[in-house]
Amino acid sequence: MFRRDPLDAVLGDLHSLLSLRLTPLYPLIRDVYGRGGVLGVWHNGRSVLVGIKQISSTELFELASVTKPFTAALAGALVQAGHLEWTTPLAQLGGPLRRLPASVTTLALATHTAGLPAHPLRAGLTAVTRWHDPYGAMNEQAVLASVRRWARASSVSRGTPLPRFLYSNLGVGALGLALAYAAGKPLTAEGYGAALAHHVTQPLDLPSIALTPTQRHRTAYSLLGSTQATQFGPLAGAGGLYGTAADLLSFGAAHLSGEAGTHWQTSLRPVGLPPQIQGVAPGWFQTDGAVWHGGVARGTRTALGFSADSGTVVAVLARGGLGWAKRDVVTALLLQLLASVRG
C-alpha cells in the first residue's frame, strides 16, 4: 500500500483553495523549504498561509529585494500626489539631488534602466569584509556620488538612446532616498521608512512591513549556520524591509484592486533582459502573465507575485541559504504555482 505523502496534509488547505492538486510541485517545494518557511496564497478574496517545518505562518522574514515593489509603490503614490513624475529628472527636485544627471529619473531607477551597476564599487570589497552589512560603510552622500559617476559614464559609453536593463541595488536604493526627499522626509534610510509608512503601508494596513522588525525574528539561517540578518544601510529601499506572508499577500491583492497603484501594468522591454523576464515595470518583472519579484538575503529567500488573469497572489518565504545552484528555485516555485492556477 502506498503511504500518503506528508505534504498532502500540510498543503491540504491550499489544495482546497485552488481546487487543484499541487503534487507535481512537491519536489520543488521540498527544495525550497528544506529548512522551513511560509507559503501563502490569496485567491479571489480568500487566503491560506502554511507554515512549514516548525516555522509559524505569522513569522517575520527579511524581504530582501521584495522590498523593491514597495519602493515602486511609494514612487507611484508620490506621483499620484503630485510630488514627482515618473520621467522627470530627479535633479529637478533640487537640494541634494540637483547634481544627478538628467538620465536619472524615477522610472529609470525603478526599472533598472539608468545604467547603474548592481552595487556601488566599494561593495565588491565590503561584501567580503562586512558579509552581513555590505553597504553599511556608505553614507547617503556617497550613494548619490556613486550614482552620478556611474550614470554619467554609462551615458557616454552607450551612445544610444535605447535603454538597457542592468539590475541595480544601487539604483533602487538611491531611489528610496530620493523618494524620502520628495516626500518631505530626511534623505536617509529612516526617511525612506517614514515616507513608506505614511504613503503605502499605513493606508494599505500592512503593520508588519517595516525597516525595523516589529517583533523578534528567527528565520535567517545561512549556509554557514549564521542567524544574523542582512543589513542594507543607506540602500534600504533596495532590500531593507521585513514583513509577514499575510501582509505580502495583502500588498499583492492591493495591486489587483488598484489600491497600490497601476504602475505594474507598464511593460518595458529594454535591451538586456534575462531570458526568464519578458518585461519590466516599476518594481516588478513580468513572465507569462505573472508579475513578480524575488529576493535573496544571506539566510533567507523570498518571492512575491500575482496574476491578474486568475486573481491570485503567491508569497514564498524560505528559511536558509540555498546556495548558488539552487538560488532560483524560490522564483521557480512562485511562477509554477501561478501558472498552475492559470492553467
Protein backbone atom coordinates (compact mmCIF):
# COMPACT_ATOMS: atom_id res chain seq x y z
CA MET A 1 0.00 0.00 0.00
CA PHE A 2 1.28 3.46 -0.88
CA ARG A 3 2.00 5.77 2.04
CA ARG A 4 0.42 9.19 1.96
CA ASP A 5 2.90 11.99 1.32
CA PRO A 6 3.24 14.20 4.44
CA LEU A 7 2.91 17.28 2.23
CA ASP A 8 -0.68 16.27 1.45
CA ALA A 9 -1.69 17.14 5.00
CA VAL A 10 0.48 20.26 5.21
CA LEU A 11 -0.88 21.68 1.96
CA GLY A 12 -4.44 20.42 2.24
CA ASP A 13 -5.96 23.88 2.67
CA LEU A 14 -4.10 25.12 -0.41
CA HIS A 15 -5.45 22.23 -2.47
CA SER A 16 -8.96 23.21 -1.40
CA LEU A 17 -8.46 26.94 -2.01
CA LEU A 18 -7.14 26.46 -5.53
CA SER A 19 -9.22 23.40 -6.43
CA LEU A 20 -6.16 21.62 -7.78
CA ARG A 21 -3.56 19.14 -6.64
CA LEU A 22 -0.07 20.51 -6.09
CA THR A 23 1.59 17.08 -6.21
CA PRO A 24 3.70 17.87 -9.31
CA LEU A 25 5.28 20.74 -7.36
CA TYR A 26 6.24 18.64 -4.32
CA PRO A 27 9.90 18.13 -5.36
CA LEU A 28 10.29 21.89 -5.83
CA ILE A 29 8.54 22.60 -2.53
CA ARG A 30 10.97 20.26 -0.75
CA ASP A 31 13.93 22.04 -2.34
CA VAL A 32 12.64 25.45 -1.28
CA TYR A 33 11.56 24.54 2.25
CA GLY A 34 14.39 22.27 3.36
CA ARG A 35 14.83 24.45 6.47
CA GLY A 36 11.23 25.56 6.67
CA GLY A 37 9.35 28.70 5.82
CA VAL A 38 5.93 30.00 4.89
CA LEU A 39 3.89 29.56 1.73
CA GLY A 40 0.97 31.94 1.29
CA VAL A 41 -1.70 32.11 -1.40
CA TRP A 42 -4.51 34.64 -1.89
CA HIS A 43 -7.12 33.65 -4.45
CA ASN A 44 -10.25 35.60 -5.30
CA GLY A 45 -10.57 37.16 -1.87
CA ARG A 46 -9.56 34.17 0.27
CA SER A 47 -6.11 33.38 1.63
CA VAL A 48 -4.26 30.42 3.09
CA LEU A 49 -0.97 30.61 5.00
CA VAL A 50 1.06 27.46 5.57
CA GLY A 51 3.98 27.29 8.00
CA ILE A 52 6.40 24.52 7.09
CA LYS A 53 8.84 22.68 9.39
CA GLN A 54 8.01 24.39 12.69
CA ILE A 55 8.01 27.88 11.19
CA SER A 56 4.91 29.82 12.22
CA SER A 57 2.80 31.21 9.40
CA THR A 58 2.98 34.59 11.18
CA GLU A 59 6.80 34.63 11.26
CA LEU A 60 8.61 37.80 10.21
CA PHE A 61 11.06 37.43 7.32
CA GLU A 62 13.72 39.60 5.79
CA LEU A 63 12.15 40.55 2.48
CA ALA A 64 15.45 41.39 0.75
CA SER A 65 14.73 42.53 -2.82
CA VAL A 66 10.99 42.01 -2.40
CA THR A 67 11.43 45.46 -0.84
CA LYS A 68 11.72 46.87 -4.37
CA PRO A 69 7.98 46.57 -5.19
CA PHE A 70 7.26 48.58 -2.03
CA THR A 71 9.68 51.28 -3.16
CA ALA A 72 7.91 51.36 -6.52
CA ALA A 73 4.54 51.63 -4.77
CA LEU A 74 5.88 54.62 -2.83
CA ALA A 75 7.01 56.19 -6.09
CA GLY A 76 3.55 55.62 -7.57
CA ALA A 77 1.88 57.18 -4.54
CA LEU A 78 4.12 60.25 -4.74
CA VAL A 79 3.43 60.59 -8.47
CA GLN A 80 -0.29 60.36 -7.75
CA ALA A 81 0.06 63.03 -5.06
CA GLY A 82 1.90 65.36 -7.46
CA HIS A 83 5.26 65.27 -5.68
CA LEU A 84 7.17 63.99 -8.74
CA GLU A 85 6.77 62.50 -12.22
CA TRP A 86 7.96 59.13 -13.49
CA THR A 87 10.01 60.54 -16.37
CA THR A 88 11.15 63.89 -14.98
CA PRO A 89 14.84 64.03 -13.94
CA LEU A 90 15.14 63.69 -10.19
CA ALA A 91 17.62 66.57 -10.27
CA GLN A 92 14.62 68.87 -10.67
CA LEU A 93 13.71 68.15 -7.06
CA GLY A 94 16.78 70.21 -6.19
CA GLY A 95 18.68 70.11 -2.93
CA PRO A 96 20.97 67.08 -2.60
CA LEU A 97 19.59 65.64 -5.86
CA ARG A 98 20.34 68.67 -8.05
CA ARG A 99 23.60 67.28 -9.47
CA LEU A 100 22.17 63.98 -10.69
CA PRO A 101 22.38 63.52 -14.48
CA ALA A 102 19.18 64.09 -16.47
CA SER A 103 19.05 60.37 -17.32
CA VAL A 104 18.36 59.55 -13.66
CA THR A 105 14.58 59.51 -13.44
CA THR A 106 12.17 57.72 -11.14
CA LEU A 107 11.17 55.38 -13.96
CA ALA A 108 14.77 54.59 -14.95
CA LEU A 109 15.77 53.74 -11.38
CA ALA A 110 12.61 51.71 -10.71
CA THR A 111 13.06 49.64 -13.89
CA HIS A 112 16.86 49.18 -13.70
CA THR A 113 17.44 51.15 -16.90
CA ALA A 114 19.52 54.05 -15.55
CA GLY A 115 22.81 52.38 -16.50
CA LEU A 116 23.88 51.77 -12.90
CA PRO A 117 25.73 48.65 -11.71
CA ALA A 118 24.33 46.11 -9.28
CA HIS A 119 26.30 47.54 -6.36
CA PRO A 120 28.46 50.55 -5.54
CA LEU A 121 32.08 49.82 -6.42
CA ARG A 122 33.21 49.57 -2.80
CA ALA A 123 30.62 46.85 -2.13
CA GLY A 124 32.84 44.44 -4.05
CA LEU A 125 35.18 44.58 -1.05
CA THR A 126 32.69 45.07 1.77
CA ALA A 127 30.64 42.08 0.59
CA VAL A 128 33.57 40.07 1.97
CA THR A 129 34.72 42.22 4.89
CA ARG A 130 31.17 43.14 6.01
CA TRP A 131 29.33 39.99 4.98
CA HIS A 132 26.00 40.84 6.64
CA ASP A 133 26.22 44.62 6.12
CA PRO A 134 27.90 45.26 2.75
CA TYR A 135 26.53 48.79 2.33
CA GLY A 136 26.83 49.91 5.95
CA ALA A 137 30.14 51.74 5.44
CA MET A 138 28.48 54.14 2.98
CA ASN A 139 26.52 57.27 3.78
CA GLU A 140 23.77 58.89 1.72
CA GLN A 141 26.14 61.37 0.06
CA ALA A 142 28.37 58.51 -1.09
CA VAL A 143 25.36 56.77 -2.62
CA LEU A 144 24.41 59.84 -4.64
CA ALA A 145 28.02 60.41 -5.69
CA SER A 146 28.23 56.82 -6.93
CA VAL A 147 25.01 57.27 -8.91
CA ARG A 148 26.37 60.44 -10.52
CA ARG A 149 29.62 58.77 -11.58
CA TRP A 150 28.07 55.62 -12.99
CA ALA A 151 25.16 57.35 -14.74
CA ARG A 152 27.47 59.81 -16.49
CA ALA A 153 29.88 57.06 -17.52
CA SER A 154 27.01 54.95 -18.83
CA SER A 155 25.50 57.77 -20.90
CA VAL A 156 28.88 58.44 -22.53
CA SER A 157 29.72 54.80 -23.24
CA ARG A 158 26.33 53.75 -24.58
CA GLY A 159 26.00 56.43 -27.20
CA THR A 160 22.47 55.15 -27.91
CA PRO A 161 19.02 56.22 -26.78
CA LEU A 162 17.94 52.61 -26.25
CA PRO A 163 17.61 51.81 -22.54
CA ARG A 164 19.48 48.76 -21.30
CA PHE A 165 18.43 46.59 -18.38
CA LEU A 166 21.04 46.28 -15.64
CA TYR A 167 19.73 45.09 -12.29
CA SER A 168 20.87 47.56 -9.66
CA ASN A 169 20.60 47.63 -5.88
CA LEU A 170 22.46 50.92 -6.10
CA GLY A 171 19.76 52.41 -8.33
CA VAL A 172 16.72 51.34 -6.32
CA GLY A 173 18.46 52.15 -3.06
CA ALA A 174 19.17 55.66 -4.35
CA LEU A 175 15.56 55.89 -5.48
CA GLY A 176 14.43 55.16 -1.93
CA LEU A 177 16.49 58.10 -0.70
CA ALA A 178 15.17 60.39 -3.44
CA LEU A 179 11.58 59.41 -2.64
CA ALA A 180 12.14 60.23 1.02
CA TYR A 181 13.31 63.70 -0.02
CA ALA A 182 10.37 64.14 -2.41
CA ALA A 183 8.00 63.23 0.43
CA GLY A 184 9.49 65.89 2.69
CA LYS A 185 11.39 63.42 4.86
CA PRO A 186 15.13 63.27 5.60
CA LEU A 187 17.27 61.84 2.81
CA THR A 188 18.11 58.76 4.88
CA ALA A 189 17.04 55.15 5.24
CA GLU A 190 14.88 56.25 8.16
CA GLY A 191 13.33 58.96 6.00
CA TYR A 192 12.51 56.32 3.39
CA GLY A 193 10.86 54.19 6.06
CA ALA A 194 8.79 57.12 7.30
CA ALA A 195 7.67 58.04 3.77
CA LEU A 196 6.77 54.43 3.01
CA ALA A 197 4.73 54.16 6.19
CA HIS A 198 2.85 57.40 5.51
CA HIS A 199 2.08 56.80 1.83
CA VAL A 200 1.93 53.00 1.48
CA THR A 201 1.94 50.65 4.45
CA GLN A 202 -0.37 52.61 6.75
CA PRO A 203 -3.00 53.34 4.07
CA LEU A 204 -2.92 49.67 3.00
CA ASP A 205 -2.92 48.41 6.62
CA LEU A 206 0.32 46.43 6.40
CA PRO A 207 1.57 46.69 10.01
CA SER A 208 4.43 44.20 9.77
CA ILE A 209 6.16 45.87 6.80
CA ALA A 210 8.96 47.98 8.25
CA LEU A 211 12.71 48.56 8.26
CA THR A 212 12.86 47.62 11.94
CA PRO A 213 11.25 44.28 12.83
CA THR A 214 8.11 44.73 14.91
CA GLN A 215 8.99 41.55 16.79
CA ARG A 216 11.97 39.25 17.19
CA HIS A 217 12.52 37.11 14.12
CA ARG A 218 14.49 33.89 13.82
CA THR A 219 14.20 32.92 10.20
CA ALA A 220 17.66 33.74 8.88
CA TYR A 221 19.94 30.71 8.51
CA SER A 222 22.84 31.00 6.11
CA LEU A 223 24.87 28.21 4.54
CA LEU A 224 27.45 28.72 7.31
CA GLY A 225 24.81 28.49 10.03
CA SER A 226 24.60 32.20 10.87
CA THR A 227 21.27 33.56 12.07
CA GLN A 228 22.29 37.19 11.59
CA ALA A 229 20.05 39.35 9.42
CA THR A 230 21.35 41.13 6.32
CA GLN A 231 21.62 44.92 6.55
CA PHE A 232 21.24 47.34 3.64
CA GLY A 233 22.48 50.59 5.19
CA PRO A 234 21.54 53.65 3.10
CA LEU A 235 20.28 51.36 0.30
CA ALA A 236 17.32 50.24 2.42
CA GLY A 237 14.91 50.93 -0.43
CA ALA A 238 16.54 48.09 -2.37
CA GLY A 239 16.20 45.37 0.25
CA GLY A 240 15.85 46.51 3.85
CA LEU A 241 12.24 45.66 4.72
CA TYR A 242 10.82 42.93 6.97
CA GLY A 243 7.32 41.54 6.83
CA THR A 244 4.94 38.60 7.12
CA ALA A 245 3.43 36.47 4.39
CA ALA A 246 -0.04 37.78 5.31
CA ASP A 247 0.97 41.37 4.63
CA LEU A 248 2.73 40.39 1.40
CA LEU A 249 -0.49 38.77 0.18
CA SER A 250 -2.46 41.89 1.12
CA PHE A 251 0.07 44.05 -0.73
CA GLY A 252 -0.21 41.89 -3.84
CA ALA A 253 -4.01 41.94 -3.65
CA ALA A 254 -3.89 45.74 -3.38
CA HIS A 255 -2.25 45.79 -6.81
CA LEU A 256 -5.07 43.72 -8.27
CA SER A 257 -7.64 46.09 -6.79
CA GLY A 258 -5.74 49.23 -7.82
CA GLU A 259 -5.25 50.42 -4.24
CA ALA A 260 -1.47 50.12 -4.61
CA GLY A 261 -1.45 51.84 -7.99
CA THR A 262 -1.40 50.74 -11.61
CA HIS A 263 2.31 51.22 -12.35
CA TRP A 264 2.74 47.43 -12.51
CA GLN A 265 0.70 47.44 -15.73
CA THR A 266 3.55 49.23 -17.52
CA SER A 267 5.58 46.82 -19.63
CA LEU A 268 9.01 47.91 -20.82
CA ARG A 269 11.27 45.62 -22.85
CA PRO A 270 14.73 47.15 -22.65
CA VAL A 271 17.80 45.59 -24.22
CA GLY A 272 19.49 43.03 -21.97
CA LEU A 273 16.52 41.45 -20.20
CA PRO A 274 17.33 37.95 -18.87
CA PRO A 275 15.59 35.14 -20.81
CA GLN A 276 13.18 34.43 -17.96
CA ILE A 277 11.92 38.02 -17.86
CA GLN A 278 9.66 39.19 -20.69
CA GLY A 279 9.00 42.70 -19.42
CA VAL A 280 9.78 45.04 -16.57
CA ALA A 281 7.56 47.51 -14.71
CA PRO A 282 8.50 49.79 -11.83
CA GLY A 283 9.42 47.39 -9.04
CA TRP A 284 8.27 44.26 -10.87
CA PHE A 285 9.20 41.69 -13.50
CA GLN A 286 6.72 40.10 -15.92
CA THR A 287 6.75 36.49 -17.10
CA ASP A 288 3.89 34.72 -18.92
CA GLY A 289 1.21 36.86 -17.30
CA ALA A 290 2.77 36.75 -13.83
CA VAL A 291 4.01 39.95 -12.18
CA TRP A 292 6.68 39.13 -9.62
CA HIS A 293 9.89 39.85 -7.77
CA GLY A 294 12.32 37.66 -5.84
CA GLY A 295 14.70 38.38 -3.00
CA VAL A 296 17.95 36.90 -1.71
CA ALA A 297 19.37 37.65 1.75
CA ARG A 298 22.26 35.84 3.41
CA GLY A 299 19.93 33.47 5.23
CA THR A 300 16.50 33.75 3.59
CA ARG A 301 14.94 33.54 0.14
CA THR A 302 11.72 35.35 -0.75
CA ALA A 303 9.37 35.85 -3.69
CA LEU A 304 6.08 37.64 -4.25
CA GLY A 305 3.95 37.57 -7.37
CA PHE A 306 0.44 37.79 -8.70
CA SER A 307 -1.65 37.04 -11.76
CA ALA A 308 -4.41 39.43 -12.76
CA ASP A 309 -5.91 36.77 -15.03
CA SER A 310 -6.56 34.29 -12.22
CA GLY A 311 -6.91 36.72 -9.32
CA THR A 312 -4.11 35.00 -7.42
CA VAL A 313 -1.25 36.22 -5.24
CA VAL A 314 1.58 33.96 -4.03
CA ALA A 315 4.18 34.66 -1.34
CA VAL A 316 7.15 32.31 -0.86
CA LEU A 317 9.29 32.85 2.25
CA ALA A 318 12.04 30.29 2.76
CA ARG A 319 14.48 29.94 5.62
CA GLY A 320 18.08 29.10 4.82
CA GLY A 321 20.74 29.99 2.30
CA LEU A 322 20.16 27.63 -0.61
CA GLY A 323 23.49 28.05 -2.36
CA TRP A 324 24.19 29.30 -5.85
CA ALA A 325 23.00 26.14 -7.61
CA LYS A 326 19.53 26.44 -6.06
CA ARG A 327 19.16 30.21 -5.84
CA ASP A 328 16.41 30.24 -8.49
CA VAL A 329 14.17 27.52 -7.03
CA VAL A 330 12.13 30.02 -4.98
CA THR A 331 11.22 32.03 -8.07
CA ALA A 332 10.60 28.80 -9.98
CA LEU A 333 8.11 27.65 -7.34
CA LEU A 334 6.33 31.01 -7.39
CA LEU A 335 5.99 31.07 -11.17
CA GLN A 336 4.97 27.43 -11.48
CA LEU A 337 2.33 27.83 -8.79
CA LEU A 338 0.87 30.90 -10.51
CA ALA A 339 0.95 29.07 -13.84
CA SER A 340 -0.84 26.07 -12.31
CA VAL A 341 -3.71 28.27 -11.15
CA ARG A 342 -3.98 29.97 -14.55
CA GLY A 343 -3.81 26.64 -16.33
